[in-house]
């Protein structure tokens, strides 16, 4: 009698798990649609990229690659701060001094960081800014 109760519990746990898996699967959404929804005004450009690679039809791998890249854009972006442009210009100027050794470059970078005041950076997601590079119609 105790064994039958365990079998019944295991049976219903298995059915419950199967039910949850099926319900969870039915509610999955297309990641590209989620990304396009989050793109805002940039949605049109991204849809044009997808349409371009889908319409050529010659290479479905390129279309799948575009879908992959767009669906992952929501996870990537850049940090921006008001002083970052000045900092980048100063750091780029280091390239002129290729004969400097590693310690000299580190010293110079430390002094630059003290000179440039950076405000709290803001995260700018790629999904709202990166386009497909296709010419406007």
C-alpha atoms as a PDB file:
ATOM      1  CA  UNK A   1       0.000   0.000   0.000  1.00  0.00           C
ATOM      2  CA  UNK A   2       2.898   2.381   0.798  1.00  0.00           C
ATOM      3  CA  UNK A   3       4.538   1.460  -2.500  1.00  0.00           C
ATOM      4  CA  UNK A   4       1.369   2.306  -4.430  1.00  0.00           C
ATOM      5  CA  UNK A   5       1.269   5.730  -2.805  1.00  0.00           C
ATOM      6  CA  UNK A   6       4.864   6.454  -3.921  1.00  0.00           C
ATOM      7  CA  UNK A   7       4.095   5.319  -7.445  1.00  0.00           C
ATOM      8  CA  UNK A   8       1.056   7.602  -7.510  1.00  0.00           C
ATOM      9  CA  UNK A   9       3.115  10.578  -6.268  1.00  0.00           C
ATOM     10  CA  UNK A  10       5.846   9.977  -8.808  1.00  0.00           C
ATOM     11  CA  UNK A  11       3.255   9.564 -11.567  1.00  0.00           C
ATOM     12  CA  UNK A  12       1.563  12.885 -10.739  1.00  0.00           C
ATOM     13  CA  UNK A  13       4.899  14.680 -10.338  1.00  0.00           C
ATOM     14  CA  UNK A  14       5.911  13.430 -13.778  1.00  0.00           C
ATOM     15  CA  UNK A  15       2.632  14.583 -15.295  1.00  0.00           C
ATOM     16  CA  UNK A  16       2.964  17.968 -13.595  1.00  0.00           C
ATOM     17  CA  UNK A  17       6.503  18.387 -14.892  1.00  0.00           C
ATOM     18  CA  UNK A  18       5.403  17.448 -18.415  1.00  0.00           C
ATOM     19  CA  UNK A  19       2.500  19.900 -18.227  1.00  0.00           C
ATOM     20  CA  UNK A  20       4.787  22.729 -17.097  1.00  0.00           C
ATOM     21  CA  UNK A  21       7.234  21.984 -19.914  1.00  0.00           C
ATOM     22  CA  UNK A  22       4.472  22.056 -22.514  1.00  0.00           C
ATOM     23  CA  UNK A  23       2.952  25.259 -21.138  1.00  0.00           C
ATOM     24  CA  UNK A  24       6.378  26.900 -20.948  1.00  0.00           C
ATOM     25  CA  UNK A  25       7.147  25.908 -24.525  1.00  0.00           C
ATOM     26  CA  UNK A  26       3.882  27.337 -25.806  1.00  0.00           C
ATOM     27  CA  UNK A  27       4.655  30.738 -24.269  1.00  0.00           C
ATOM     28  CA  UNK A  28       8.110  31.169 -25.760  1.00  0.00           C
ATOM     29  CA  UNK A  29       8.369  34.174 -28.027  1.00  0.00           C
ATOM     30  CA  UNK A  30      10.618  34.784 -30.956  1.00  0.00           C
ATOM     31  CA  UNK A  31      13.743  36.550 -29.683  1.00  0.00           C
ATOM     32  CA  UNK A  32      13.945  38.605 -32.869  1.00  0.00           C
ATOM     33  CA  UNK A  33      10.422  39.938 -32.230  1.00  0.00           C
ATOM     34  CA  UNK A  34      11.415  40.883 -28.689  1.00  0.00           C
ATOM     35  CA  UNK A  35      14.485  42.692 -30.016  1.00  0.00           C
ATOM     36  CA  UNK A  36      12.467  44.493 -32.689  1.00  0.00           C
ATOM     37  CA  UNK A  37       9.953  45.568 -30.068  1.00  0.00           C
ATOM     38  CA  UNK A  38      12.759  47.013 -27.931  1.00  0.00           C
ATOM     39  CA  UNK A  39      14.379  48.726 -30.935  1.00  0.00           C
ATOM     40  CA  UNK A  40      11.874  51.589 -30.902  1.00  0.00           C
ATOM     41  CA  UNK A  41      12.545  53.971 -33.791  1.00  0.00           C
ATOM     42  CA  UNK A  42      15.369  51.753 -35.026  1.00  0.00           C
ATOM     43  CA  UNK A  43      12.935  48.911 -35.736  1.00  0.00           C
ATOM     44  CA  UNK A  44      12.464  49.951 -39.376  1.00  0.00           C
ATOM     45  CA  UNK A  45      16.167  49.689 -40.176  1.00  0.00           C
ATOM     46  CA  UNK A  46      16.457  46.279 -38.572  1.00  0.00           C
ATOM     47  CA  UNK A  47      13.364  45.009 -40.401  1.00  0.00           C
ATOM     48  CA  UNK A  48      14.901  46.204 -43.667  1.00  0.00           C
ATOM     49  CA  UNK A  49      18.026  44.160 -42.916  1.00  0.00           C
ATOM     50  CA  UNK A  50      15.935  41.047 -42.310  1.00  0.00           C
ATOM     51  CA  UNK A  51      13.853  41.660 -45.431  1.00  0.00           C
ATOM     52  CA  UNK A  52      16.986  42.160 -47.517  1.00  0.00           C
ATOM     53  CA  UNK A  53      18.564  38.869 -46.517  1.00  0.00           C
ATOM     54  CA  UNK A  54      15.264  37.006 -46.673  1.00  0.00           C
ATOM     55  CA  UNK A  55      14.452  38.306 -50.157  1.00  0.00           C
ATOM     56  CA  UNK A  56      17.789  37.335 -51.674  1.00  0.00           C
ATOM     57  CA  UNK A  57      17.056  33.725 -50.737  1.00  0.00           C
ATOM     58  CA  UNK A  58      20.383  32.552 -52.116  1.00  0.00           C
ATOM     59  CA  UNK A  59      22.060  32.170 -48.762  1.00  0.00           C
ATOM     60  CA  UNK A  60      19.792  31.326 -45.845  1.00  0.00           C
ATOM     61  CA  UNK A  61      22.815  31.303 -43.551  1.00  0.00           C
ATOM     62  CA  UNK A  62      23.152  35.085 -43.923  1.00  0.00           C
ATOM     63  CA  UNK A  63      19.493  35.517 -42.994  1.00  0.00           C
ATOM     64  CA  UNK A  64      19.938  33.322 -39.918  1.00  0.00           C
ATOM     65  CA  UNK A  65      23.091  35.266 -39.011  1.00  0.00           C
ATOM     66  CA  UNK A  66      21.174  38.555 -39.242  1.00  0.00           C
ATOM     67  CA  UNK A  67      18.431  37.110 -37.020  1.00  0.00           C
ATOM     68  CA  UNK A  68      21.046  35.952 -34.503  1.00  0.00           C
ATOM     69  CA  UNK A  69      22.805  39.324 -34.406  1.00  0.00           C
ATOM     70  CA  UNK A  70      19.585  41.307 -34.052  1.00  0.00           C
ATOM     71  CA  UNK A  71      18.235  39.032 -31.318  1.00  0.00           C
ATOM     72  CA  UNK A  72      21.455  39.481 -29.328  1.00  0.00           C
ATOM     73  CA  UNK A  73      21.670  43.263 -29.738  1.00  0.00           C
ATOM     74  CA  UNK A  74      19.529  43.778 -26.636  1.00  0.00           C
ATOM     75  CA  UNK A  75      22.365  42.421 -24.508  1.00  0.00           C
ATOM     76  CA  UNK A  76      25.125  44.628 -25.932  1.00  0.00           C
ATOM     77  CA  UNK A  77      25.823  48.328 -26.026  1.00  0.00           C
ATOM     78  CA  UNK A  78      28.266  51.001 -24.999  1.00  0.00           C
ATOM     79  CA  UNK A  79      28.867  53.180 -21.985  1.00  0.00           C
ATOM     80  CA  UNK A  80      28.774  56.907 -22.715  1.00  0.00           C
ATOM     81  CA  UNK A  81      29.818  59.829 -20.567  1.00  0.00           C
ATOM     82  CA  UNK A  82      30.173  63.527 -21.386  1.00  0.00           C
ATOM     83  CA  UNK A  83      33.955  63.504 -20.888  1.00  0.00           C
ATOM     84  CA  UNK A  84      34.542  60.243 -22.735  1.00  0.00           C
ATOM     85  CA  UNK A  85      35.093  61.940 -26.108  1.00  0.00           C
ATOM     86  CA  UNK A  86      37.932  64.025 -24.704  1.00  0.00           C
ATOM     87  CA  UNK A  87      39.423  61.003 -22.963  1.00  0.00           C
ATOM     88  CA  UNK A  88      39.358  58.966 -26.179  1.00  0.00           C
ATOM     89  CA  UNK A  89      41.080  61.777 -28.075  1.00  0.00           C
ATOM     90  CA  UNK A  90      43.813  61.990 -25.447  1.00  0.00           C
ATOM     91  CA  UNK A  91      44.326  58.225 -25.372  1.00  0.00           C
ATOM     92  CA  UNK A  92      44.494  58.103 -29.163  1.00  0.00           C
ATOM     93  CA  UNK A  93      47.271  60.660 -29.042  1.00  0.00           C
ATOM     94  CA  UNK A  94      49.414  58.073 -27.212  1.00  0.00           C
ATOM     95  CA  UNK A  95      49.772  56.193 -30.481  1.00  0.00           C
ATOM     96  CA  UNK A  96      52.129  58.905 -31.704  1.00  0.00           C
ATOM     97  CA  UNK A  97      54.624  57.898 -29.058  1.00  0.00           C
ATOM     98  CA  UNK A  98      55.224  54.277 -29.978  1.00  0.00           C
ATOM     99  CA  UNK A  99      58.751  54.374 -28.605  1.00  0.00           C
ATOM    100  CA  UNK A 100      57.462  54.807 -25.011  1.00  0.00           C
ATOM    101  CA  UNK A 101      57.780  51.790 -22.789  1.00  0.00           C
ATOM    102  CA  UNK A 102      54.877  50.199 -20.926  1.00  0.00           C
ATOM    103  CA  UNK A 103      55.553  52.035 -17.634  1.00  0.00           C
ATOM    104  CA  UNK A 104      55.667  55.417 -19.330  1.00  0.00           C
ATOM    105  CA  UNK A 105      52.375  54.759 -21.082  1.00  0.00           C
ATOM    106  CA  UNK A 106      50.750  53.675 -17.801  1.00  0.00           C
ATOM    107  CA  UNK A 107      52.022  56.811 -16.071  1.00  0.00           C
ATOM    108  CA  UNK A 108      50.652  58.965 -18.871  1.00  0.00           C
ATOM    109  CA  UNK A 109      47.278  57.227 -18.796  1.00  0.00           C
ATOM    110  CA  UNK A 110      47.022  57.702 -15.024  1.00  0.00           C
ATOM    111  CA  UNK A 111      47.734  61.418 -15.387  1.00  0.00           C
ATOM    112  CA  UNK A 112      45.123  61.678 -18.175  1.00  0.00           C
ATOM    113  CA  UNK A 113      42.480  59.994 -16.015  1.00  0.00           C
ATOM    114  CA  UNK A 114      43.099  62.568 -13.284  1.00  0.00           C
ATOM    115  CA  UNK A 115      42.827  65.418 -15.784  1.00  0.00           C
ATOM    116  CA  UNK A 116      39.590  64.335 -17.473  1.00  0.00           C
ATOM    117  CA  UNK A 117      36.462  64.391 -15.349  1.00  0.00           C
ATOM    118  CA  UNK A 118      34.028  61.675 -16.311  1.00  0.00           C
ATOM    119  CA  UNK A 119      30.403  61.828 -15.279  1.00  0.00           C
ATOM    120  CA  UNK A 120      28.463  58.714 -14.411  1.00  0.00           C
ATOM    121  CA  UNK A 121      28.301  56.709 -17.655  1.00  0.00           C
ATOM    122  CA  UNK A 122      24.996  55.843 -19.300  1.00  0.00           C
ATOM    123  CA  UNK A 123      24.428  52.495 -21.017  1.00  0.00           C
ATOM    124  CA  UNK A 124      23.264  52.895 -24.621  1.00  0.00           C
ATOM    125  CA  UNK A 125      21.991  49.588 -26.036  1.00  0.00           C
ATOM    126  CA  UNK A 126      22.958  48.651 -29.587  1.00  0.00           C
ATOM    127  CA  UNK A 127      19.379  47.710 -30.461  1.00  0.00           C
ATOM    128  CA  UNK A 128      18.344  51.372 -30.546  1.00  0.00           C
ATOM    129  CA  UNK A 129      21.309  52.741 -32.457  1.00  0.00           C
ATOM    130  CA  UNK A 130      22.924  50.155 -34.745  1.00  0.00           C
ATOM    131  CA  UNK A 131      21.435  49.932 -38.222  1.00  0.00           C
ATOM    132  CA  UNK A 132      21.981  47.602 -41.074  1.00  0.00           C
ATOM    133  CA  UNK A 133      24.202  49.789 -43.202  1.00  0.00           C
ATOM    134  CA  UNK A 134      21.769  49.536 -46.104  1.00  0.00           C
ATOM    135  CA  UNK A 135      21.109  52.739 -48.085  1.00  0.00           C
ATOM    136  CA  UNK A 136      17.804  54.462 -47.412  1.00  0.00           C
ATOM    137  CA  UNK A 137      15.165  53.729 -50.035  1.00  0.00           C
END
